[in-house]
C-alpha atoms as a PDB file:
ATOM      1  CA  MET A   1     114.235 203.986-107.993  1.00  0.00           C
ATOM      2  CA  ALA A   2     112.171 205.538-105.866  1.00  0.00           C
ATOM      3  CA  VAL A   3     112.186 205.096-101.863  1.00  0.00           C
ATOM      4  CA  GLU A   4     108.382 204.468-101.788  1.00  0.00           C
ATOM      5  CA  THR A   5     108.591 201.151-103.586  1.00  0.00           C
ATOM      6  CA  LEU A   6     111.450 199.619-100.563  1.00  0.00           C
ATOM      7  CA  LEU A   7     109.065 200.808 -98.063  1.00  0.00           C
ATOM      8  CA  GLY A   8     107.950 197.899 -96.136  1.00  0.00           C
ATOM      9  CA  LEU A   9     110.129 195.401 -98.219  1.00  0.00           C
ATOM     10  CA  PRO A  10     111.714 192.148 -96.528  1.00  0.00           C
ATOM     11  CA  LEU A  11     115.757 192.685 -96.744  1.00  0.00           C
ATOM     12  CA  SER A  12     115.915 190.303 -98.864  1.00  0.00           C
ATOM     13  CA  VAL A  13     113.658 191.952-101.038  1.00  0.00           C
ATOM     14  CA  ALA A  14     114.931 195.198-100.795  1.00  0.00           C
ATOM     15  CA  LEU A  15     118.427 193.896-101.454  1.00  0.00           C
ATOM     16  CA  GLU A  16     118.576 192.165-104.492  1.00  0.00           C
ATOM     17  CA  LYS A  17     115.988 195.755-106.308  1.00  0.00           C
ATOM     18  CA  LEU A  18     118.602 197.788-105.399  1.00  0.00           C
ATOM     19  CA  ARG A  19     122.030 195.495-106.264  1.00  0.00           C
ATOM     20  CA  GLU A  20     119.720 195.235-109.787  1.00  0.00           C
ATOM     21  CA  ALA A  21     120.482 198.867-109.672  1.00  0.00           C
ATOM     22  CA  GLY A  22     124.010 198.826-108.962  1.00  0.00           C
ATOM     23  CA  VAL A  23     123.880 200.038-105.552  1.00  0.00           C
ATOM     24  CA  GLU A  24     125.300 197.774-102.549  1.00  0.00           C
ATOM     25  CA  PRO A  25     122.912 200.369 -99.587  1.00  0.00           C
ATOM     26  CA  GLU A  26     124.267 200.165 -95.688  1.00  0.00           C
ATOM     27  CA  VAL A  27     122.469 198.324 -93.688  1.00  0.00           C
ATOM     28  CA  VAL A  28     120.638 199.590 -90.001  1.00  0.00           C
ATOM     29  CA  HIS A  29     118.931 197.377 -87.974  1.00  0.00           C
ATOM     30  CA  THR A  30     116.648 198.927 -84.791  1.00  0.00           C
ATOM     31  CA  ALA A  31     114.798 197.212 -82.432  1.00  0.00           C
ATOM     32  CA  ALA A  32     112.584 196.844 -78.894  1.00  0.00           C
ATOM     33  CA  PRO A  33     114.887 196.632 -76.225  1.00  0.00           C
ATOM     34  CA  ARG A  34     113.110 193.404 -76.121  1.00  0.00           C
ATOM     35  CA  GLY A  35     111.998 192.960 -79.009  1.00  0.00           C
ATOM     36  CA  ASN A  36     112.597 188.710 -80.517  1.00  0.00           C
ATOM     37  CA  ARG A  37     113.809 188.733 -84.201  1.00  0.00           C
ATOM     38  CA  GLU A  38     114.688 184.786 -84.174  1.00  0.00           C
ATOM     39  CA  ASN A  39     110.432 184.125 -85.875  1.00  0.00           C
ATOM     40  CA  ALA A  40     110.633 187.915 -87.270  1.00  0.00           C
ATOM     41  CA  THR A  41     111.023 190.069 -90.654  1.00  0.00           C
ATOM     42  CA  LEU A  42     113.285 192.473 -91.535  1.00  0.00           C
ATOM     43  CA  ARG A  43     111.617 194.959 -93.231  1.00  0.00           C
ATOM     44  CA  VAL A  44     112.434 198.361 -94.463  1.00  0.00           C
ATOM     45  CA  ILE A  45     110.912 201.387 -92.521  1.00  0.00           C
ATOM     46  CA  ARG A  46     113.600 204.132 -93.240  1.00  0.00           C
ATOM     47  CA  VAL A  47     115.672 205.035 -96.728  1.00  0.00           C
ATOM     48  CA  ARG A  48     118.164 207.965 -96.057  1.00  0.00           C
ATOM     49  CA  GLY A  49     121.007 207.867 -98.927  1.00  0.00           C
ATOM     50  CA  ASN A  50     122.229 205.228 -98.940  1.00  0.00           C
ATOM     51  CA  GLU A  51     121.270 203.475 -95.506  1.00  0.00           C
ATOM     52  CA  LEU A  52     118.518 201.576 -95.347  1.00  0.00           C
ATOM     53  CA  THR A  53     116.843 200.831 -91.658  1.00  0.00           C
ATOM     54  CA  VAL A  54     115.377 197.466 -90.793  1.00  0.00           C
ATOM     55  CA  GLY A  55     113.038 196.937 -88.174  1.00  0.00           C
ATOM     56  CA  ALA A  56     111.875 193.264 -87.425  1.00  0.00           C
ATOM     57  CA  PHE A  57     107.824 192.530 -87.299  1.00  0.00           C
ATOM     58  CA  GLU A  58     106.308 189.269 -86.499  1.00  0.00           C
ATOM     59  CA  ASP A  59     104.139 188.501 -89.184  1.00  0.00           C
ATOM     60  CA  GLY A  60     104.496 185.165 -89.518  1.00  0.00           C
ATOM     61  CA  THR A  61     106.917 185.486 -92.730  1.00  0.00           C
ATOM     62  CA  PRO A  62     110.343 185.288 -91.248  1.00  0.00           C
ATOM     63  CA  VAL A  63     113.015 186.657 -93.800  1.00  0.00           C
END
């Protein structure tokens, strides 16, 4: 699967696509020191090998 197809996706969607391809990635979270993740969407911001880095985006669609 091409990395470009995962970048920016909500974490749940990216995990679904990877699992369909038989891949179980490690997920690493990153956030601002004062970030509020309660009403945010976790989105893929980096893919390195079998590792997804996700960040919280306050875009109005919590996932």
